[in-house]
Amino acid sequence: MGGDLRNAPDAAAPRLMVRALRDPDGANLDRVQMIKGWIDAEDETFERVYDIAVSGDRMIGEVGRAREPVGSAVDIDNATFTNMIGAATLEAIWEDPDFDPAEDAFYYVRVIEIPKPRWTTYDAAFYDIPLPDGVPPTTQHRAYTSPIWYSATNWMVDDSGAVLGGHQLMWEPVFSGAIVWRPLPNEMIGLGCQKD
């Protein structure tokens, strides 16, 4: 993931297909989030987090967040965890519900694992010492993607509609009218690519 998006057709909101898999030796996944940041007409910056896929029977509410936590399968005394909760994979197709084609924006994905013992918990179990005060015994590791940038201005497109260099992502219908972003092959970028 990552790149630049320009020329939204008919001001269509972007749709992203996201699939996350847990590390083969790691913890199951709690949730996948889309983080959107944007600049409004008054040059004020904003950021919003959307839960787009959650494990278990939890529901994503109307405000785009699942309020119920995933739970915990951590044995704090022994500094172990099991993958009895969460999911090995999570996937979603997400469309920006608040897209404004006149506002510059960025999007990136954050994947959150189920709780695991914090390093201080591992040390406490290994050295048979008490857990430190004021430090949570568990943590949830996170992974982030590179951002996709949406530019409301078309400064990388010349008068003929050709894309001028750089790593570009253009709108492309994929199936059932869905719009997703696909990278243009480097050889097309070097030659210049006509927009449809």
C-alpha atoms as a PDB file:
ATOM      1  CA  MET A   1       0.000   0.000   0.000  1.00  0.00           C
ATOM      2  CA  GLY A   2       1.094   3.554  -0.437  1.00  0.00           C
ATOM      3  CA  GLY A   3       1.181   6.091  -3.239  1.00  0.00           C
ATOM      4  CA  ASP A   4      -0.732   9.030  -4.629  1.00  0.00           C
ATOM      5  CA  LEU A   5      -4.331   9.176  -5.818  1.00  0.00           C
ATOM      6  CA  ARG A   6      -5.659  11.846  -8.163  1.00  0.00           C
ATOM      7  CA  ASN A   7      -8.572  12.492 -10.491  1.00  0.00           C
ATOM      8  CA  ALA A   8     -11.505  10.999  -8.616  1.00  0.00           C
ATOM      9  CA  PRO A   9     -14.138  10.163 -11.260  1.00  0.00           C
ATOM     10  CA  ASP A  10     -17.330  12.131 -10.670  1.00  0.00           C
ATOM     11  CA  ALA A  11     -16.168  12.827  -7.091  1.00  0.00           C
ATOM     12  CA  ALA A  12     -16.531   9.111  -6.244  1.00  0.00           C
ATOM     13  CA  ALA A  13     -15.329   8.142  -2.783  1.00  0.00           C
ATOM     14  CA  PRO A  14     -12.369   5.755  -2.709  1.00  0.00           C
ATOM     15  CA  ARG A  15     -12.975   2.098  -1.866  1.00  0.00           C
ATOM     16  CA  LEU A  16     -10.179   0.050  -0.372  1.00  0.00           C
ATOM     17  CA  MET A  17      -9.874  -3.706  -0.150  1.00  0.00           C
ATOM     18  CA  VAL A  18      -7.892  -4.679   2.936  1.00  0.00           C
ATOM     19  CA  ARG A  19      -6.751  -8.106   4.082  1.00  0.00           C
ATOM     20  CA  ALA A  20      -4.548  -8.700   7.112  1.00  0.00           C
ATOM     21  CA  LEU A  21      -2.978 -11.981   8.227  1.00  0.00           C
ATOM     22  CA  ARG A  22      -1.412 -12.667  11.578  1.00  0.00           C
ATOM     23  CA  ASP A  23       2.264 -13.482  11.873  1.00  0.00           C
ATOM     24  CA  PRO A  24       2.621 -17.294  11.783  1.00  0.00           C
ATOM     25  CA  ASP A  25       4.394 -17.216  15.163  1.00  0.00           C
ATOM     26  CA  GLY A  26       2.447 -14.293  16.578  1.00  0.00           C
ATOM     27  CA  ALA A  27      -0.830 -13.370  18.144  1.00  0.00           C
ATOM     28  CA  ASN A  28      -4.218 -13.421  16.425  1.00  0.00           C
ATOM     29  CA  LEU A  29      -5.709 -10.161  15.195  1.00  0.00           C
ATOM     30  CA  ASP A  30      -8.081  -7.993  17.215  1.00  0.00           C
ATOM     31  CA  ARG A  31      -9.099  -5.489  14.531  1.00  0.00           C
ATOM     32  CA  VAL A  32      -8.156  -3.622  11.375  1.00  0.00           C
ATOM     33  CA  GLN A  33      -8.520   0.140  11.308  1.00  0.00           C
ATOM     34  CA  MET A  34      -8.478   2.750   8.557  1.00  0.00           C
ATOM     35  CA  ILE A  35      -6.972   6.043   9.654  1.00  0.00           C
ATOM     36  CA  LYS A  36      -7.931   9.063   7.595  1.00  0.00           C
ATOM     37  CA  GLY A  37      -6.437  12.512   7.884  1.00  0.00           C
ATOM     38  CA  TRP A  38      -7.527  15.552   5.896  1.00  0.00           C
ATOM     39  CA  ILE A  39      -7.224  19.303   5.514  1.00  0.00           C
ATOM     40  CA  ASP A  40     -10.439  21.301   5.199  1.00  0.00           C
ATOM     41  CA  ALA A  41     -11.072  24.520   3.271  1.00  0.00           C
ATOM     42  CA  GLU A  42      -9.816  26.594   6.241  1.00  0.00           C
ATOM     43  CA  ASP A  43      -6.495  24.649   6.272  1.00  0.00           C
ATOM     44  CA  GLU A  44      -7.376  22.917   9.545  1.00  0.00           C
ATOM     45  CA  THR A  45      -6.175  19.343   9.958  1.00  0.00           C
ATOM     46  CA  PHE A  46      -8.310  16.449  11.151  1.00  0.00           C
ATOM     47  CA  GLU A  47      -7.855  12.747  11.778  1.00  0.00           C
ATOM     48  CA  ARG A  48     -10.407   9.985  12.233  1.00  0.00           C
ATOM     49  CA  VAL A  49     -10.112   6.279  13.041  1.00  0.00           C
ATOM     50  CA  TYR A  50     -12.535   3.771  11.532  1.00  0.00           C
ATOM     51  CA  ASP A  51     -12.694   0.115  12.610  1.00  0.00           C
ATOM     52  CA  ILE A  52     -13.214  -1.726   9.323  1.00  0.00           C
ATOM     53  CA  ALA A  53     -12.905  -5.367  10.456  1.00  0.00           C
ATOM     54  CA  VAL A  54     -13.103  -6.840  13.958  1.00  0.00           C
ATOM     55  CA  SER A  55     -12.712 -10.364  15.274  1.00  0.00           C
ATOM     56  CA  GLY A  56     -15.367 -12.371  17.099  1.00  0.00           C
ATOM     57  CA  ASP A  57     -19.016 -11.435  17.238  1.00  0.00           C
ATOM     58  CA  ARG A  58     -18.370  -7.769  17.940  1.00  0.00           C
ATOM     59  CA  MET A  59     -20.181  -5.183  15.851  1.00  0.00           C
ATOM     60  CA  ILE A  60     -18.916  -1.958  14.334  1.00  0.00           C
ATOM     61  CA  GLY A  61     -21.300   0.833  15.338  1.00  0.00           C
ATOM     62  CA  GLU A  62     -22.711   3.668  13.275  1.00  0.00           C
ATOM     63  CA  VAL A  63     -19.790   5.920  14.236  1.00  0.00           C
ATOM     64  CA  GLY A  64     -17.369   3.426  12.684  1.00  0.00           C
ATOM     65  CA  ARG A  65     -15.982   1.969  15.913  1.00  0.00           C
ATOM     66  CA  ALA A  66     -16.375  -1.316  17.778  1.00  0.00           C
ATOM     67  CA  ARG A  67     -16.596  -0.317  21.428  1.00  0.00           C
ATOM     68  CA  GLU A  68     -16.381  -3.834  22.891  1.00  0.00           C
ATOM     69  CA  PRO A  69     -12.788  -4.958  23.560  1.00  0.00           C
ATOM     70  CA  VAL A  70     -11.525  -8.267  22.158  1.00  0.00           C
ATOM     71  CA  GLY A  71     -10.834  -9.652  25.642  1.00  0.00           C
ATOM     72  CA  SER A  72      -7.644 -11.300  26.839  1.00  0.00           C
ATOM     73  CA  ALA A  73      -6.154 -14.784  26.728  1.00  0.00           C
ATOM     74  CA  VAL A  74      -3.026 -13.794  28.684  1.00  0.00           C
ATOM     75  CA  ASP A  75      -1.796 -15.769  31.696  1.00  0.00           C
ATOM     76  CA  ILE A  76       0.010 -12.964  33.504  1.00  0.00           C
ATOM     77  CA  ASP A  77       1.634 -15.174  36.164  1.00  0.00           C
ATOM     78  CA  ASN A  78       3.304 -17.380  33.536  1.00  0.00           C
ATOM     79  CA  ALA A  79       3.716 -14.644  30.866  1.00  0.00           C
ATOM     80  CA  THR A  80       1.946 -16.690  28.179  1.00  0.00           C
ATOM     81  CA  PHE A  81      -1.002 -16.197  25.874  1.00  0.00           C
ATOM     82  CA  THR A  82      -3.135 -18.338  23.596  1.00  0.00           C
ATOM     83  CA  ASN A  83      -4.824 -17.596  20.297  1.00  0.00           C
ATOM     84  CA  MET A  84      -8.245 -18.653  21.615  1.00  0.00           C
ATOM     85  CA  ILE A  85      -9.593 -15.179  20.806  1.00  0.00           C
ATOM     86  CA  GLY A  86      -9.114 -12.948  17.790  1.00  0.00           C
ATOM     87  CA  ALA A  87      -8.809 -14.077  14.181  1.00  0.00           C
ATOM     88  CA  ALA A  88      -5.970 -15.370  12.014  1.00  0.00           C
ATOM     89  CA  THR A  89      -7.153 -13.146   9.139  1.00  0.00           C
ATOM     90  CA  LEU A  90      -9.408 -10.118   8.842  1.00  0.00           C
ATOM     91  CA  GLU A  91     -10.618  -8.512   5.635  1.00  0.00           C
ATOM     92  CA  ALA A  92     -12.943  -5.760   4.525  1.00  0.00           C
ATOM     93  CA  ILE A  93     -13.911  -3.502   1.658  1.00  0.00           C
ATOM     94  CA  TRP A  94     -14.148   0.017   3.018  1.00  0.00           C
ATOM     95  CA  GLU A  95     -15.507   3.148   1.363  1.00  0.00           C
ATOM     96  CA  ASP A  96     -14.778   6.567   2.822  1.00  0.00           C
ATOM     97  CA  PRO A  97     -18.174   7.719   4.146  1.00  0.00           C
ATOM     98  CA  ASP A  98     -17.030  11.326   4.534  1.00  0.00           C
ATOM     99  CA  PHE A  99     -15.076  11.790   1.302  1.00  0.00           C
ATOM    100  CA  ASP A 100     -14.878  15.342  -0.018  1.00  0.00           C
ATOM    101  CA  PRO A 101     -13.097  15.546  -3.390  1.00  0.00           C
ATOM    102  CA  ALA A 102     -12.138  19.164  -2.650  1.00  0.00           C
ATOM    103  CA  GLU A 103     -10.060  18.226   0.427  1.00  0.00           C
ATOM    104  CA  ASP A 104      -6.538  16.779   0.453  1.00  0.00           C
ATOM    105  CA  ALA A 105      -6.442  13.579   2.517  1.00  0.00           C
ATOM    106  CA  PHE A 106      -4.380  10.547   3.456  1.00  0.00           C
ATOM    107  CA  TYR A 107      -5.335   7.002   4.400  1.00  0.00           C
ATOM    108  CA  TYR A 108      -3.377   4.238   6.087  1.00  0.00           C
ATOM    109  CA  VAL A 109      -4.250   0.907   7.663  1.00  0.00           C
ATOM    110  CA  ARG A 110      -3.453  -0.101  11.248  1.00  0.00           C
ATOM    111  CA  VAL A 111      -3.706  -3.757  12.295  1.00  0.00           C
ATOM    112  CA  ILE A 112      -3.950  -4.517  16.031  1.00  0.00           C
ATOM    113  CA  GLU A 113      -3.150  -7.879  17.605  1.00  0.00           C
ATOM    114  CA  ILE A 114      -4.888  -9.404  20.620  1.00  0.00           C
ATOM    115  CA  PRO A 115      -3.249  -8.696  24.001  1.00  0.00           C
ATOM    116  CA  LYS A 116       0.093 -10.355  24.757  1.00  0.00           C
ATOM    117  CA  PRO A 117       2.357 -10.156  27.812  1.00  0.00           C
ATOM    118  CA  ARG A 118       4.381  -6.963  27.988  1.00  0.00           C
ATOM    119  CA  TRP A 119       8.172  -7.413  28.171  1.00  0.00           C
ATOM    120  CA  THR A 120       8.076  -6.478  31.863  1.00  0.00           C
ATOM    121  CA  THR A 121       5.657  -9.365  32.417  1.00  0.00           C
ATOM    122  CA  TYR A 122       8.048 -11.777  30.688  1.00  0.00           C
ATOM    123  CA  ASP A 123      10.884 -10.505  32.886  1.00  0.00           C
ATOM    124  CA  ALA A 124       8.794 -10.803  36.061  1.00  0.00           C
ATOM    125  CA  ALA A 125       7.925 -14.425  35.246  1.00  0.00           C
ATOM    126  CA  PHE A 126      11.487 -15.354  34.199  1.00  0.00           C
ATOM    127  CA  TYR A 127      13.231 -13.737  37.181  1.00  0.00           C
ATOM    128  CA  ASP A 128      10.396 -14.513  39.631  1.00  0.00           C
ATOM    129  CA  ILE A 129      10.032 -10.877  40.637  1.00  0.00           C
ATOM    130  CA  PRO A 130       6.905  -8.756  41.130  1.00  0.00           C
ATOM    131  CA  LEU A 131       5.455  -6.809  38.234  1.00  0.00           C
ATOM    132  CA  PRO A 132       6.426  -3.136  38.296  1.00  0.00           C
ATOM    133  CA  ASP A 133       3.844  -0.742  39.705  1.00  0.00           C
ATOM    134  CA  GLY A 134       2.007   1.472  37.255  1.00  0.00           C
ATOM    135  CA  VAL A 135       2.940  -0.586  34.180  1.00  0.00           C
ATOM    136  CA  PRO A 136       0.219  -2.561  32.382  1.00  0.00           C
ATOM    137  CA  PRO A 137       1.035  -6.299  32.257  1.00  0.00           C
ATOM    138  CA  THR A 138      -0.164  -6.662  28.646  1.00  0.00           C
ATOM    139  CA  THR A 139       0.258  -4.848  25.360  1.00  0.00           C
ATOM    140  CA  GLN A 140      -1.264  -5.010  21.880  1.00  0.00           C
ATOM    141  CA  HIS A 141       1.245  -4.864  19.033  1.00  0.00           C
ATOM    142  CA  ARG A 142       0.341  -2.883  15.927  1.00  0.00           C
ATOM    143  CA  ALA A 143       1.347  -2.843  12.295  1.00  0.00           C
ATOM    144  CA  TYR A 144       0.960   0.133   9.957  1.00  0.00           C
ATOM    145  CA  THR A 145       0.916   0.516   6.184  1.00  0.00           C
ATOM    146  CA  SER A 146       2.404   3.317   4.155  1.00  0.00           C
ATOM    147  CA  PRO A 147      -0.130   6.061   3.431  1.00  0.00           C
ATOM    148  CA  ILE A 148      -2.130   6.676   0.300  1.00  0.00           C
ATOM    149  CA  TRP A 149      -2.334  10.389  -0.382  1.00  0.00           C
ATOM    150  CA  TYR A 150      -5.332  11.957  -2.114  1.00  0.00           C
ATOM    151  CA  SER A 151      -4.655  15.329  -3.728  1.00  0.00           C
ATOM    152  CA  ALA A 152      -7.627  17.489  -4.567  1.00  0.00           C
ATOM    153  CA  THR A 153      -5.454  19.350  -7.076  1.00  0.00           C
ATOM    154  CA  ASN A 154      -4.168  17.614 -10.188  1.00  0.00           C
ATOM    155  CA  TRP A 155      -0.658  19.058 -10.214  1.00  0.00           C
ATOM    156  CA  MET A 156       0.820  15.791 -11.568  1.00  0.00           C
ATOM    157  CA  VAL A 157      -1.417  15.717 -14.667  1.00  0.00           C
ATOM    158  CA  ASP A 158      -0.605  17.843 -17.732  1.00  0.00           C
ATOM    159  CA  ASP A 159      -3.096  19.566 -20.066  1.00  0.00           C
ATOM    160  CA  SER A 160      -3.530  16.436 -22.159  1.00  0.00           C
ATOM    161  CA  GLY A 161      -4.357  14.337 -19.093  1.00  0.00           C
ATOM    162  CA  ALA A 162      -1.022  12.462 -19.045  1.00  0.00           C
ATOM    163  CA  VAL A 163       0.358  11.415 -15.663  1.00  0.00           C
ATOM    164  CA  LEU A 164       3.774  13.004 -15.142  1.00  0.00           C
ATOM    165  CA  GLY A 165       6.220  10.663 -13.350  1.00  0.00           C
ATOM    166  CA  GLY A 166       6.201   9.482  -9.770  1.00  0.00           C
ATOM    167  CA  HIS A 167       4.359   6.544  -8.257  1.00  0.00           C
ATOM    168  CA  GLN A 168       0.734   7.137  -9.217  1.00  0.00           C
ATOM    169  CA  LEU A 169      -2.427   5.294  -8.319  1.00  0.00           C
ATOM    170  CA  MET A 170      -5.351   5.841 -10.658  1.00  0.00           C
ATOM    171  CA  TRP A 171      -9.011   4.928 -10.312  1.00  0.00           C
ATOM    172  CA  GLU A 172      -9.873   1.636 -11.955  1.00  0.00           C
ATOM    173  CA  PRO A 173     -13.198  -0.245 -11.913  1.00  0.00           C
ATOM    174  CA  VAL A 174     -12.551  -3.798 -10.746  1.00  0.00           C
ATOM    175  CA  PHE A 175     -15.834  -5.640 -10.281  1.00  0.00           C
ATOM    176  CA  SER A 176     -19.503  -4.827  -9.779  1.00  0.00           C
ATOM    177  CA  GLY A 177     -18.795  -1.139 -10.208  1.00  0.00           C
ATOM    178  CA  ALA A 178     -16.392  -1.062  -7.226  1.00  0.00           C
ATOM    179  CA  ILE A 179     -13.602   1.483  -7.376  1.00  0.00           C
ATOM    180  CA  VAL A 180     -10.182   0.554  -6.001  1.00  0.00           C
ATOM    181  CA  TRP A 181      -6.686   1.920  -6.418  1.00  0.00           C
ATOM    182  CA  ARG A 182      -4.097   0.026  -8.428  1.00  0.00           C
ATOM    183  CA  PRO A 183      -0.501   1.045  -9.025  1.00  0.00           C
ATOM    184  CA  LEU A 184       0.392   1.791 -12.606  1.00  0.00           C
ATOM    185  CA  PRO A 185       3.339  -0.278 -13.859  1.00  0.00           C
ATOM    186  CA  ASN A 186       6.601   1.684 -13.848  1.00  0.00           C
ATOM    187  CA  GLU A 187       6.948   1.396 -17.614  1.00  0.00           C
ATOM    188  CA  MET A 188       3.575   3.135 -18.042  1.00  0.00           C
ATOM    189  CA  ILE A 189       4.564   5.893 -15.633  1.00  0.00           C
ATOM    190  CA  GLY A 190       7.795   6.512 -17.536  1.00  0.00           C
ATOM    191  CA  LEU A 191       5.923   6.798 -20.832  1.00  0.00           C
ATOM    192  CA  GLY A 192       3.092   8.895 -19.465  1.00  0.00           C
ATOM    193  CA  CYS A 193      -0.355   7.375 -19.189  1.00  0.00           C
ATOM    194  CA  GLN A 194      -3.527   8.885 -20.613  1.00  0.00           C
ATOM    195  CA  LYS A 195      -6.495   9.135 -18.285  1.00  0.00           C
ATOM    196  CA  ASP A 196      -9.742   7.637 -19.515  1.00  0.00           C
END
